[in-house]
Amino acid sequence: MYVKEVLVQNQVGLHARPATFFIQKANEYKSSIWVEKEERRVNAKSLLGVLSLGIVGGTNIRIIADGSDEQGAVDGLVQLVQSGFSE
């Protein structure tokens, strides 16, 4: 299992468009991937799950992966979040 915490930097957070990019990226990996905000954990490959967390800009989230490509998955998703989804 590999875990990293990242600050969501874009102002609107993970609303529909950035969440879609996030899920598409998560689906590139074989590992099981989760996003955690406070005490809630959801499947990072589920649009409804990610949107249900209500992640806004300035929120710290944890990205957790477990599987053969877990480190690449977490690092790739952290990099996407840090880029601000090119917004």
C-alpha atoms as a PDB file:
ATOM      1  CA  MET A   1       0.000   0.000   0.000  1.00  0.00           C
ATOM      2  CA  TYR A   2       1.301   3.457  -0.930  1.00  0.00           C
ATOM      3  CA  VAL A   3      -0.158   6.728   0.427  1.00  0.00           C
ATOM      4  CA  LYS A   4       0.489  10.420  -0.197  1.00  0.00           C
ATOM      5  CA  GLU A   5      -1.251  13.560   0.986  1.00  0.00           C
ATOM      6  CA  VAL A   6      -1.743  16.454  -1.429  1.00  0.00           C
ATOM      7  CA  LEU A   7      -3.307  19.916  -1.267  1.00  0.00           C
ATOM      8  CA  VAL A   8      -5.977  20.592  -3.899  1.00  0.00           C
ATOM      9  CA  GLN A   9      -4.779  23.876  -5.367  1.00  0.00           C
ATOM     10  CA  ASN A  10      -7.296  24.809  -8.043  1.00  0.00           C
ATOM     11  CA  GLN A  11      -9.983  27.128  -6.652  1.00  0.00           C
ATOM     12  CA  VAL A  12     -13.072  25.092  -7.479  1.00  0.00           C
ATOM     13  CA  GLY A  13     -11.585  21.803  -6.279  1.00  0.00           C
ATOM     14  CA  LEU A  14     -12.660  18.475  -7.720  1.00  0.00           C
ATOM     15  CA  HIS A  15     -15.907  19.477  -9.424  1.00  0.00           C
ATOM     16  CA  ALA A  16     -17.181  17.656 -12.525  1.00  0.00           C
ATOM     17  CA  ARG A  17     -14.443  18.467 -15.066  1.00  0.00           C
ATOM     18  CA  PRO A  18     -11.339  18.008 -12.870  1.00  0.00           C
ATOM     19  CA  ALA A  19     -12.942  14.961 -11.238  1.00  0.00           C
ATOM     20  CA  THR A  20     -13.394  13.443 -14.696  1.00  0.00           C
ATOM     21  CA  PHE A  21      -9.698  14.002 -15.500  1.00  0.00           C
ATOM     22  CA  PHE A  22      -8.791  12.498 -12.111  1.00  0.00           C
ATOM     23  CA  ILE A  23     -10.904   9.373 -12.708  1.00  0.00           C
ATOM     24  CA  GLN A  24      -9.591   8.913 -16.249  1.00  0.00           C
ATOM     25  CA  LYS A  25      -6.037   9.042 -14.874  1.00  0.00           C
ATOM     26  CA  ALA A  26      -6.903   6.626 -12.044  1.00  0.00           C
ATOM     27  CA  ASN A  27      -8.325   4.157 -14.563  1.00  0.00           C
ATOM     28  CA  GLU A  28      -4.964   4.015 -16.362  1.00  0.00           C
ATOM     29  CA  TYR A  29      -3.617   1.966 -13.438  1.00  0.00           C
ATOM     30  CA  LYS A  30      -4.273  -1.636 -12.389  1.00  0.00           C
ATOM     31  CA  SER A  31      -4.051  -0.925  -8.651  1.00  0.00           C
ATOM     32  CA  SER A  32      -7.032  -0.306  -6.417  1.00  0.00           C
ATOM     33  CA  ILE A  33      -7.038   3.436  -5.714  1.00  0.00           C
ATOM     34  CA  TRP A  34      -8.911   5.442  -3.099  1.00  0.00           C
ATOM     35  CA  VAL A  35      -9.272   9.122  -2.246  1.00  0.00           C
ATOM     36  CA  GLU A  36      -9.647  10.067   1.396  1.00  0.00           C
ATOM     37  CA  LYS A  37     -10.912  13.372   2.812  1.00  0.00           C
ATOM     38  CA  GLU A  38     -11.013  13.535   6.596  1.00  0.00           C
ATOM     39  CA  GLU A  39     -12.505  10.168   7.600  1.00  0.00           C
ATOM     40  CA  ARG A  40     -14.293   9.363   4.314  1.00  0.00           C
ATOM     41  CA  ARG A  41     -12.695   7.083   1.729  1.00  0.00           C
ATOM     42  CA  VAL A  42     -14.067   6.492  -1.773  1.00  0.00           C
ATOM     43  CA  ASN A  43     -13.018   4.617  -4.891  1.00  0.00           C
ATOM     44  CA  ALA A  44     -10.878   6.981  -7.008  1.00  0.00           C
ATOM     45  CA  LYS A  45     -12.237   5.325 -10.158  1.00  0.00           C
ATOM     46  CA  SER A  46     -15.835   6.313  -9.346  1.00  0.00           C
ATOM     47  CA  LEU A  47     -17.108   9.726 -10.468  1.00  0.00           C
ATOM     48  CA  LEU A  48     -19.989   9.708  -7.989  1.00  0.00           C
ATOM     49  CA  GLY A  49     -17.661   8.643  -5.200  1.00  0.00           C
ATOM     50  CA  VAL A  50     -15.140  11.417  -5.863  1.00  0.00           C
ATOM     51  CA  LEU A  51     -17.852  14.061  -6.300  1.00  0.00           C
ATOM     52  CA  SER A  52     -19.559  12.920  -3.070  1.00  0.00           C
ATOM     53  CA  LEU A  53     -16.501  14.014  -1.068  1.00  0.00           C
ATOM     54  CA  GLY A  54     -17.191  17.661  -1.980  1.00  0.00           C
ATOM     55  CA  ILE A  55     -13.501  18.491  -2.359  1.00  0.00           C
ATOM     56  CA  VAL A  56     -12.936  22.243  -2.704  1.00  0.00           C
ATOM     57  CA  GLY A  57      -9.758  24.231  -3.298  1.00  0.00           C
ATOM     58  CA  GLY A  58      -7.457  24.370  -0.283  1.00  0.00           C
ATOM     59  CA  THR A  59      -8.473  20.903   0.936  1.00  0.00           C
ATOM     60  CA  ASN A  60      -5.914  18.250   1.817  1.00  0.00           C
ATOM     61  CA  ILE A  61      -6.728  14.803   0.454  1.00  0.00           C
ATOM     62  CA  ARG A  62      -4.946  11.472   0.698  1.00  0.00           C
ATOM     63  CA  ILE A  63      -4.462   9.274  -2.350  1.00  0.00           C
ATOM     64  CA  ILE A  64      -4.062   5.611  -1.496  1.00  0.00           C
ATOM     65  CA  ALA A  65      -3.213   2.766  -3.867  1.00  0.00           C
ATOM     66  CA  ASP A  66      -2.684  -0.940  -3.427  1.00  0.00           C
ATOM     67  CA  GLY A  67      -1.436  -3.148  -6.238  1.00  0.00           C
ATOM     68  CA  SER A  68       1.330  -3.808  -8.752  1.00  0.00           C
ATOM     69  CA  ASP A  69       1.660  -0.181  -9.898  1.00  0.00           C
ATOM     70  CA  GLU A  70       0.640   1.551  -6.643  1.00  0.00           C
ATOM     71  CA  GLN A  71       3.563   3.986  -6.437  1.00  0.00           C
ATOM     72  CA  GLY A  72       3.187   5.119 -10.053  1.00  0.00           C
ATOM     73  CA  ALA A  73      -0.569   5.505  -9.575  1.00  0.00           C
ATOM     74  CA  VAL A  74      -0.285   7.679  -6.466  1.00  0.00           C
ATOM     75  CA  ASP A  75       2.571   9.763  -7.875  1.00  0.00           C
ATOM     76  CA  GLY A  76       0.725  10.297 -11.172  1.00  0.00           C
ATOM     77  CA  LEU A  77      -2.476  11.393  -9.437  1.00  0.00           C
ATOM     78  CA  VAL A  78      -0.618  13.657  -6.992  1.00  0.00           C
ATOM     79  CA  GLN A  79       1.117  15.308  -9.954  1.00  0.00           C
ATOM     80  CA  LEU A  80      -2.270  15.837 -11.668  1.00  0.00           C
ATOM     81  CA  VAL A  81      -3.756  17.438  -8.543  1.00  0.00           C
ATOM     82  CA  GLN A  82      -0.681  19.642  -8.042  1.00  0.00           C
ATOM     83  CA  SER A  83      -0.931  20.849 -11.652  1.00  0.00           C
ATOM     84  CA  GLY A  84      -4.340  22.353 -10.832  1.00  0.00           C
ATOM     85  CA  PHE A  85      -5.875  20.286 -13.650  1.00  0.00           C
ATOM     86  CA  SER A  86      -4.552  22.933 -16.072  1.00  0.00           C
ATOM     87  CA  GLU A  87      -7.237  25.393 -14.998  1.00  0.00           C
END
